[in-house]
Amino acid sequence: MNSVRTRNATVRLPFRCDAPDCRRYLEMEITPLPEAGLEFSSWIVREEPRETLALLDIRVSRTSDIITMCSMCRKIKLSESTWMEVEAAIHALDLFAEAELPQISHGLCRSCFDTSLAAIGKRTGNL
């Protein structure tokens, strides 16, 4: 936000906001306004239906275990350097074998972190 204000330039960032039964690809635009104000706008670019995933259903019972999902691309973190699409991560983590699913925390994968920094005009850095 400080970068948008300092540069006085609009920034556009891609992100996802998936539902249990579809992938939603969106874009957010952050526009500087007078007196250090900011305007946030977002819109759906496209939607893709998929089989319903219980992992993304907020009504599902959860354990105290936590997995990390990228806030922008919705990939699941398997290790410091490995992030997978939700469907692949469910299989890799063997989540179908569990009676209850883990809680989801959010972070940024390396690719989305670098994309975000580039969009606001900063060089890439460490997570």
N, C-alpha and C. Protein backbone atom coordinates (compact mmCIF):
# COMPACT_ATOMS: atom_id res chain seq x y z
N MET A 1 0.83 -1.19 0.00
CA MET A 1 0.00 0.00 0.00
C MET A 1 0.88 1.25 0.00
N ASN A 2 1.96 1.19 0.78
CA ASN A 2 2.86 2.34 0.79
C ASN A 2 3.47 2.58 -0.58
N SER A 3 3.78 1.49 -1.29
CA SER A 3 4.36 1.63 -2.63
C SER A 3 3.38 2.29 -3.59
N VAL A 4 2.11 1.93 -3.51
CA VAL A 4 1.10 2.54 -4.39
C VAL A 4 1.01 4.04 -4.10
N ARG A 5 1.03 4.37 -2.81
CA ARG A 5 0.98 5.79 -2.44
C ARG A 5 2.23 6.54 -2.89
N THR A 6 3.40 5.96 -2.62
CA THR A 6 4.67 6.61 -2.94
C THR A 6 4.84 6.81 -4.44
N ARG A 7 4.56 5.78 -5.20
CA ARG A 7 4.71 5.85 -6.66
C ARG A 7 3.55 6.57 -7.33
N ASN A 8 2.45 6.72 -6.59
CA ASN A 8 1.23 7.32 -7.13
C ASN A 8 0.83 6.61 -8.43
N ALA A 9 0.88 5.29 -8.38
CA ALA A 9 0.57 4.48 -9.56
C ALA A 9 -0.32 3.30 -9.16
N THR A 10 -1.25 2.99 -10.02
CA THR A 10 -2.15 1.87 -9.81
C THR A 10 -1.39 0.55 -9.96
N VAL A 11 -1.73 -0.42 -9.11
CA VAL A 11 -1.14 -1.75 -9.16
C VAL A 11 -2.27 -2.75 -9.40
N ARG A 12 -2.01 -3.72 -10.26
CA ARG A 12 -2.98 -4.77 -10.54
C ARG A 12 -2.34 -6.11 -10.21
N LEU A 13 -3.03 -6.92 -9.39
CA LEU A 13 -2.51 -8.21 -8.93
C LEU A 13 -3.51 -9.32 -9.24
N PRO A 14 -3.04 -10.42 -9.82
CA PRO A 14 -3.93 -11.58 -9.99
C PRO A 14 -4.02 -12.35 -8.68
N PHE A 15 -5.17 -12.97 -8.44
CA PHE A 15 -5.32 -13.84 -7.27
C PHE A 15 -6.47 -14.79 -7.51
N ARG A 16 -6.62 -15.76 -6.61
CA ARG A 16 -7.73 -16.70 -6.71
C ARG A 16 -8.56 -16.64 -5.45
N CYS A 17 -9.83 -16.91 -5.62
CA CYS A 17 -10.76 -17.01 -4.50
C CYS A 17 -11.67 -18.20 -4.81
N ASP A 18 -11.17 -19.39 -4.52
CA ASP A 18 -11.88 -20.61 -4.89
C ASP A 18 -13.02 -20.92 -3.94
N ALA A 19 -14.02 -21.57 -4.49
CA ALA A 19 -15.13 -22.13 -3.72
C ALA A 19 -14.92 -23.65 -3.73
N PRO A 20 -15.60 -24.38 -2.87
CA PRO A 20 -15.42 -25.84 -2.88
C PRO A 20 -15.69 -26.48 -4.25
N ASP A 21 -16.57 -25.87 -5.06
CA ASP A 21 -16.93 -26.49 -6.34
C ASP A 21 -16.45 -25.74 -7.58
N CYS A 22 -15.62 -24.72 -7.41
CA CYS A 22 -15.08 -24.02 -8.59
C CYS A 22 -13.80 -23.25 -8.26
N ARG A 23 -13.00 -23.06 -9.30
CA ARG A 23 -11.82 -22.20 -9.21
C ARG A 23 -12.24 -20.84 -9.74
N ARG A 24 -11.93 -19.80 -8.98
CA ARG A 24 -12.26 -18.44 -9.43
C ARG A 24 -10.96 -17.65 -9.56
N TYR A 25 -10.68 -17.19 -10.76
CA TYR A 25 -9.50 -16.38 -11.04
C TYR A 25 -9.93 -14.92 -11.07
N LEU A 26 -9.30 -14.12 -10.25
CA LEU A 26 -9.67 -12.71 -10.12
C LEU A 26 -8.46 -11.81 -10.31
N GLU A 27 -8.73 -10.52 -10.42
CA GLU A 27 -7.70 -9.50 -10.38
C GLU A 27 -8.14 -8.43 -9.40
N MET A 28 -7.14 -7.87 -8.70
CA MET A 28 -7.40 -6.76 -7.79
C MET A 28 -6.58 -5.57 -8.28
N GLU A 29 -7.22 -4.42 -8.24
CA GLU A 29 -6.53 -3.20 -8.61
C GLU A 29 -6.53 -2.28 -7.40
N ILE A 30 -5.34 -1.74 -7.09
CA ILE A 30 -5.19 -0.80 -5.97
C ILE A 30 -4.81 0.54 -6.60
N THR A 31 -5.67 1.53 -6.42
CA THR A 31 -5.49 2.84 -7.05
C THR A 31 -5.28 3.91 -5.98
N PRO A 32 -4.25 4.74 -6.16
CA PRO A 32 -4.04 5.82 -5.19
C PRO A 32 -5.11 6.90 -5.34
N LEU A 33 -5.52 7.47 -4.22
CA LEU A 33 -6.50 8.55 -4.19
C LEU A 33 -5.88 9.76 -3.48
N PRO A 34 -6.50 10.91 -3.58
CA PRO A 34 -5.99 12.08 -2.87
C PRO A 34 -5.92 11.84 -1.35
N GLU A 35 -5.04 12.56 -0.70
CA GLU A 35 -4.88 12.53 0.75
C GLU A 35 -4.53 11.13 1.28
N ALA A 36 -3.67 10.43 0.55
CA ALA A 36 -3.16 9.12 0.93
C ALA A 36 -4.22 8.01 0.94
N GLY A 37 -5.34 8.28 0.29
CA GLY A 37 -6.39 7.27 0.21
C GLY A 37 -6.06 6.21 -0.82
N LEU A 38 -6.72 5.07 -0.72
CA LEU A 38 -6.56 3.98 -1.68
C LEU A 38 -7.93 3.44 -2.03
N GLU A 39 -8.07 3.04 -3.28
CA GLU A 39 -9.30 2.38 -3.72
C GLU A 39 -8.94 0.97 -4.15
N PHE A 40 -9.66 0.00 -3.62
CA PHE A 40 -9.46 -1.40 -3.97
C PHE A 40 -10.64 -1.86 -4.82
N SER A 41 -10.35 -2.44 -5.97
CA SER A 41 -11.38 -2.99 -6.85
C SER A 41 -10.95 -4.40 -7.23
N SER A 42 -11.91 -5.30 -7.34
CA SER A 42 -11.58 -6.65 -7.80
C SER A 42 -12.71 -7.15 -8.68
N TRP A 43 -12.36 -8.09 -9.55
CA TRP A 43 -13.34 -8.64 -10.46
C TRP A 43 -12.93 -10.06 -10.85
N ILE A 44 -13.92 -10.84 -11.24
CA ILE A 44 -13.69 -12.21 -11.67
C ILE A 44 -13.24 -12.19 -13.13
N VAL A 45 -12.12 -12.83 -13.41
CA VAL A 45 -11.62 -12.95 -14.78
C VAL A 45 -12.25 -14.18 -15.43
N ARG A 46 -12.25 -15.30 -14.69
CA ARG A 46 -12.91 -16.51 -15.19
C ARG A 46 -13.18 -17.47 -14.02
N GLU A 47 -14.09 -18.39 -14.27
CA GLU A 47 -14.42 -19.44 -13.29
C GLU A 47 -14.34 -20.79 -13.99
N GLU A 48 -13.87 -21.79 -13.24
CA GLU A 48 -13.79 -23.16 -13.76
C GLU A 48 -14.46 -24.09 -12.76
N PRO A 49 -15.50 -24.81 -13.17
CA PRO A 49 -16.12 -25.78 -12.26
C PRO A 49 -15.17 -26.94 -11.98
N ARG A 50 -15.32 -27.56 -10.82
CA ARG A 50 -14.55 -28.74 -10.45
C ARG A 50 -15.38 -29.56 -9.48
N GLU A 51 -14.91 -30.80 -9.23
CA GLU A 51 -15.59 -31.61 -8.22
C GLU A 51 -15.48 -30.90 -6.88
N THR A 52 -16.51 -31.01 -6.07
CA THR A 52 -16.52 -30.35 -4.76
C THR A 52 -15.41 -30.89 -3.88
N LEU A 53 -14.66 -29.98 -3.25
CA LEU A 53 -13.56 -30.34 -2.36
C LEU A 53 -13.94 -29.99 -0.93
N ALA A 54 -14.04 -31.00 -0.09
CA ALA A 54 -14.38 -30.77 1.32
C ALA A 54 -13.35 -29.89 2.01
N LEU A 55 -12.09 -29.98 1.60
CA LEU A 55 -11.03 -29.18 2.22
C LEU A 55 -11.35 -27.68 2.18
N LEU A 56 -12.05 -27.23 1.15
CA LEU A 56 -12.36 -25.81 1.00
C LEU A 56 -13.73 -25.43 1.56
N ASP A 57 -14.44 -26.39 2.12
CA ASP A 57 -15.77 -26.14 2.67
C ASP A 57 -15.64 -25.68 4.12
N ILE A 58 -16.08 -24.48 4.42
CA ILE A 58 -15.94 -23.92 5.77
C ILE A 58 -16.81 -24.64 6.80
N ARG A 59 -17.77 -25.43 6.36
CA ARG A 59 -18.67 -26.13 7.28
C ARG A 59 -18.11 -27.47 7.76
N VAL A 60 -16.97 -27.91 7.20
CA VAL A 60 -16.39 -29.21 7.53
C VAL A 60 -15.67 -29.13 8.88
N SER A 61 -15.80 -30.18 9.66
CA SER A 61 -15.12 -30.27 10.95
C SER A 61 -13.60 -30.33 10.74
N ARG A 62 -12.85 -29.62 11.61
CA ARG A 62 -11.40 -29.50 11.45
C ARG A 62 -10.65 -30.00 12.67
N THR A 63 -9.42 -30.49 12.42
CA THR A 63 -8.52 -30.86 13.51
C THR A 63 -7.74 -29.62 13.94
N SER A 64 -6.83 -29.78 14.86
CA SER A 64 -5.97 -28.66 15.25
C SER A 64 -4.75 -28.55 14.34
N ASP A 65 -4.56 -29.53 13.44
CA ASP A 65 -3.46 -29.46 12.47
C ASP A 65 -3.71 -28.29 11.51
N ILE A 66 -2.62 -27.73 11.00
CA ILE A 66 -2.72 -26.57 10.11
C ILE A 66 -1.90 -26.82 8.85
N ILE A 67 -2.49 -26.54 7.70
CA ILE A 67 -1.75 -26.53 6.44
C ILE A 67 -1.78 -25.10 5.91
N THR A 68 -0.79 -24.76 5.08
CA THR A 68 -0.70 -23.40 4.55
C THR A 68 -1.11 -23.39 3.09
N MET A 69 -1.96 -22.42 2.75
CA MET A 69 -2.43 -22.23 1.39
C MET A 69 -1.95 -20.85 0.92
N CYS A 70 -1.49 -20.76 -0.31
CA CYS A 70 -1.09 -19.47 -0.85
C CYS A 70 -2.32 -18.59 -1.00
N SER A 71 -2.23 -17.38 -0.50
CA SER A 71 -3.36 -16.44 -0.53
C SER A 71 -3.71 -16.00 -1.95
N MET A 72 -2.77 -16.14 -2.86
CA MET A 72 -3.03 -15.66 -4.22
C MET A 72 -3.37 -16.77 -5.20
N CYS A 73 -2.57 -17.84 -5.24
CA CYS A 73 -2.80 -18.89 -6.25
C CYS A 73 -3.54 -20.10 -5.70
N ARG A 74 -3.70 -20.18 -4.40
CA ARG A 74 -4.44 -21.23 -3.70
C ARG A 74 -3.73 -22.58 -3.68
N LYS A 75 -2.43 -22.61 -3.97
CA LYS A 75 -1.68 -23.85 -3.85
C LYS A 75 -1.42 -24.14 -2.38
N ILE A 76 -1.21 -25.41 -2.07
CA ILE A 76 -0.95 -25.87 -0.70
C ILE A 76 0.55 -26.11 -0.54
N LYS A 77 1.08 -25.67 0.59
CA LYS A 77 2.50 -25.83 0.89
C LYS A 77 2.76 -27.24 1.42
N LEU A 78 3.67 -27.96 0.74
CA LEU A 78 4.08 -29.28 1.21
C LEU A 78 5.43 -29.22 1.91
N SER A 79 6.29 -28.31 1.45
CA SER A 79 7.60 -28.09 2.07
C SER A 79 7.99 -26.65 1.75
N GLU A 80 9.15 -26.22 2.22
CA GLU A 80 9.58 -24.84 1.97
C GLU A 80 9.63 -24.52 0.49
N SER A 81 9.95 -25.49 -0.34
CA SER A 81 10.10 -25.23 -1.77
C SER A 81 9.02 -25.87 -2.64
N THR A 82 8.09 -26.60 -2.05
CA THR A 82 7.09 -27.32 -2.85
C THR A 82 5.67 -26.87 -2.50
N TRP A 83 4.98 -26.38 -3.50
CA TRP A 83 3.57 -25.98 -3.39
C TRP A 83 2.82 -26.69 -4.50
N MET A 84 1.62 -27.22 -4.18
CA MET A 84 0.83 -27.96 -5.16
C MET A 84 -0.60 -27.44 -5.22
N GLU A 85 -1.22 -27.64 -6.39
CA GLU A 85 -2.65 -27.35 -6.52
C GLU A 85 -3.39 -28.18 -5.48
N VAL A 86 -4.53 -27.68 -5.04
CA VAL A 86 -5.28 -28.30 -3.95
C VAL A 86 -5.55 -29.78 -4.21
N GLU A 87 -6.04 -30.12 -5.39
CA GLU A 87 -6.38 -31.51 -5.68
C GLU A 87 -5.16 -32.42 -5.53
N ALA A 88 -4.01 -32.01 -6.06
CA ALA A 88 -2.78 -32.81 -5.96
C ALA A 88 -2.29 -32.89 -4.52
N ALA A 89 -2.40 -31.78 -3.79
CA ALA A 89 -1.96 -31.75 -2.40
C ALA A 89 -2.82 -32.67 -1.53
N ILE A 90 -4.10 -32.74 -1.80
CA ILE A 90 -4.98 -33.64 -1.04
C ILE A 90 -4.48 -35.08 -1.16
N HIS A 91 -4.09 -35.47 -2.38
CA HIS A 91 -3.56 -36.82 -2.58
C HIS A 91 -2.19 -36.97 -1.94
N ALA A 92 -1.30 -35.99 -2.15
CA ALA A 92 0.07 -36.07 -1.61
C ALA A 92 0.08 -36.14 -0.09
N LEU A 93 -0.84 -35.43 0.56
CA LEU A 93 -0.92 -35.41 2.02
C LEU A 93 -1.83 -36.51 2.56
N ASP A 94 -2.44 -37.28 1.65
CA ASP A 94 -3.35 -38.37 2.01
C ASP A 94 -4.50 -37.88 2.90
N LEU A 95 -5.06 -36.74 2.55
CA LEU A 95 -6.12 -36.16 3.38
C LEU A 95 -7.43 -36.93 3.29
N PHE A 96 -7.61 -37.75 2.24
CA PHE A 96 -8.83 -38.55 2.14
C PHE A 96 -8.88 -39.63 3.21
N ALA A 97 -7.72 -39.99 3.76
CA ALA A 97 -7.67 -41.02 4.79
C ALA A 97 -8.07 -40.49 6.17
N GLU A 98 -8.16 -39.19 6.32
CA GLU A 98 -8.46 -38.56 7.61
C GLU A 98 -9.97 -38.39 7.82
N ALA A 99 -10.42 -38.59 9.05
CA ALA A 99 -11.84 -38.37 9.37
C ALA A 99 -12.17 -36.88 9.39
N GLU A 100 -11.23 -36.07 9.88
CA GLU A 100 -11.39 -34.62 9.90
C GLU A 100 -10.24 -34.00 9.12
N LEU A 101 -10.49 -32.86 8.58
CA LEU A 101 -9.47 -32.18 7.78
C LEU A 101 -8.75 -31.12 8.59
N PRO A 102 -7.53 -30.74 8.17
CA PRO A 102 -6.78 -29.72 8.91
C PRO A 102 -7.36 -28.32 8.67
N GLN A 103 -7.00 -27.42 9.54
CA GLN A 103 -7.33 -26.01 9.35
C GLN A 103 -6.44 -25.45 8.25
N ILE A 104 -6.89 -24.37 7.62
CA ILE A 104 -6.10 -23.74 6.57
C ILE A 104 -5.62 -22.37 7.06
N SER A 105 -4.32 -22.19 6.99
CA SER A 105 -3.70 -20.90 7.25
C SER A 105 -3.25 -20.36 5.89
N HIS A 106 -2.94 -19.09 5.81
CA HIS A 106 -2.57 -18.52 4.51
C HIS A 106 -1.19 -17.89 4.55
N GLY A 107 -0.51 -17.96 3.43
CA GLY A 107 0.80 -17.36 3.22
C GLY A 107 0.95 -17.06 1.75
N LEU A 108 2.18 -16.90 1.29
CA LEU A 108 2.44 -16.67 -0.14
C LEU A 108 3.52 -17.64 -0.61
N CYS A 109 3.27 -18.29 -1.74
CA CYS A 109 4.30 -19.12 -2.33
C CYS A 109 5.34 -18.19 -2.97
N ARG A 110 6.51 -18.74 -3.27
CA ARG A 110 7.60 -17.94 -3.84
C ARG A 110 7.16 -17.23 -5.12
N SER A 111 6.49 -17.93 -6.01
CA SER A 111 6.08 -17.34 -7.28
C SER A 111 5.15 -16.15 -7.08
N CYS A 112 4.16 -16.28 -6.23
CA CYS A 112 3.22 -15.17 -5.98
C CYS A 112 3.89 -14.03 -5.23
N PHE A 113 4.81 -14.35 -4.33
CA PHE A 113 5.56 -13.33 -3.62
C PHE A 113 6.36 -12.49 -4.61
N ASP A 114 7.08 -13.17 -5.52
CA ASP A 114 7.87 -12.46 -6.52
C ASP A 114 7.00 -11.66 -7.48
N THR A 115 5.86 -12.23 -7.89
CA THR A 115 4.93 -11.52 -8.78
C THR A 115 4.40 -10.26 -8.11
N SER A 116 4.06 -10.36 -6.84
CA SER A 116 3.54 -9.20 -6.10
C SER A 116 4.58 -8.10 -5.98
N LEU A 117 5.81 -8.49 -5.65
CA LEU A 117 6.87 -7.48 -5.54
C LEU A 117 7.13 -6.81 -6.89
N ALA A 118 7.13 -7.59 -7.96
CA ALA A 118 7.34 -7.03 -9.28
C ALA A 118 6.22 -6.05 -9.65
N ALA A 119 4.99 -6.39 -9.28
CA ALA A 119 3.84 -5.53 -9.61
C ALA A 119 3.93 -4.17 -8.90
N ILE A 120 4.52 -4.16 -7.72
CA ILE A 120 4.63 -2.89 -7.00
C ILE A 120 5.98 -2.22 -7.22
N GLY A 121 6.77 -2.80 -8.12
CA GLY A 121 8.03 -2.15 -8.50
C GLY A 121 9.19 -2.39 -7.58
N LYS A 122 9.18 -3.48 -6.84
CA LYS A 122 10.29 -3.81 -5.96
C LYS A 122 10.96 -5.07 -6.47
N ARG A 123 12.25 -5.20 -6.21
CA ARG A 123 12.95 -6.40 -6.63
C ARG A 123 12.56 -7.56 -5.70
N THR A 124 12.75 -8.78 -6.16
CA THR A 124 12.39 -9.93 -5.35
C THR A 124 13.32 -10.08 -4.16
N GLY A 125 12.84 -10.74 -3.13
CA GLY A 125 13.61 -10.93 -1.91
C GLY A 125 13.30 -12.28 -1.30
N ASN A 126 13.70 -12.46 -0.08
CA ASN A 126 13.45 -13.72 0.60
C ASN A 126 12.10 -13.70 1.29
N LEU A 127 11.49 -14.87 1.38
CA LEU A 127 10.23 -14.98 2.10
C LEU A 127 10.47 -14.94 3.58
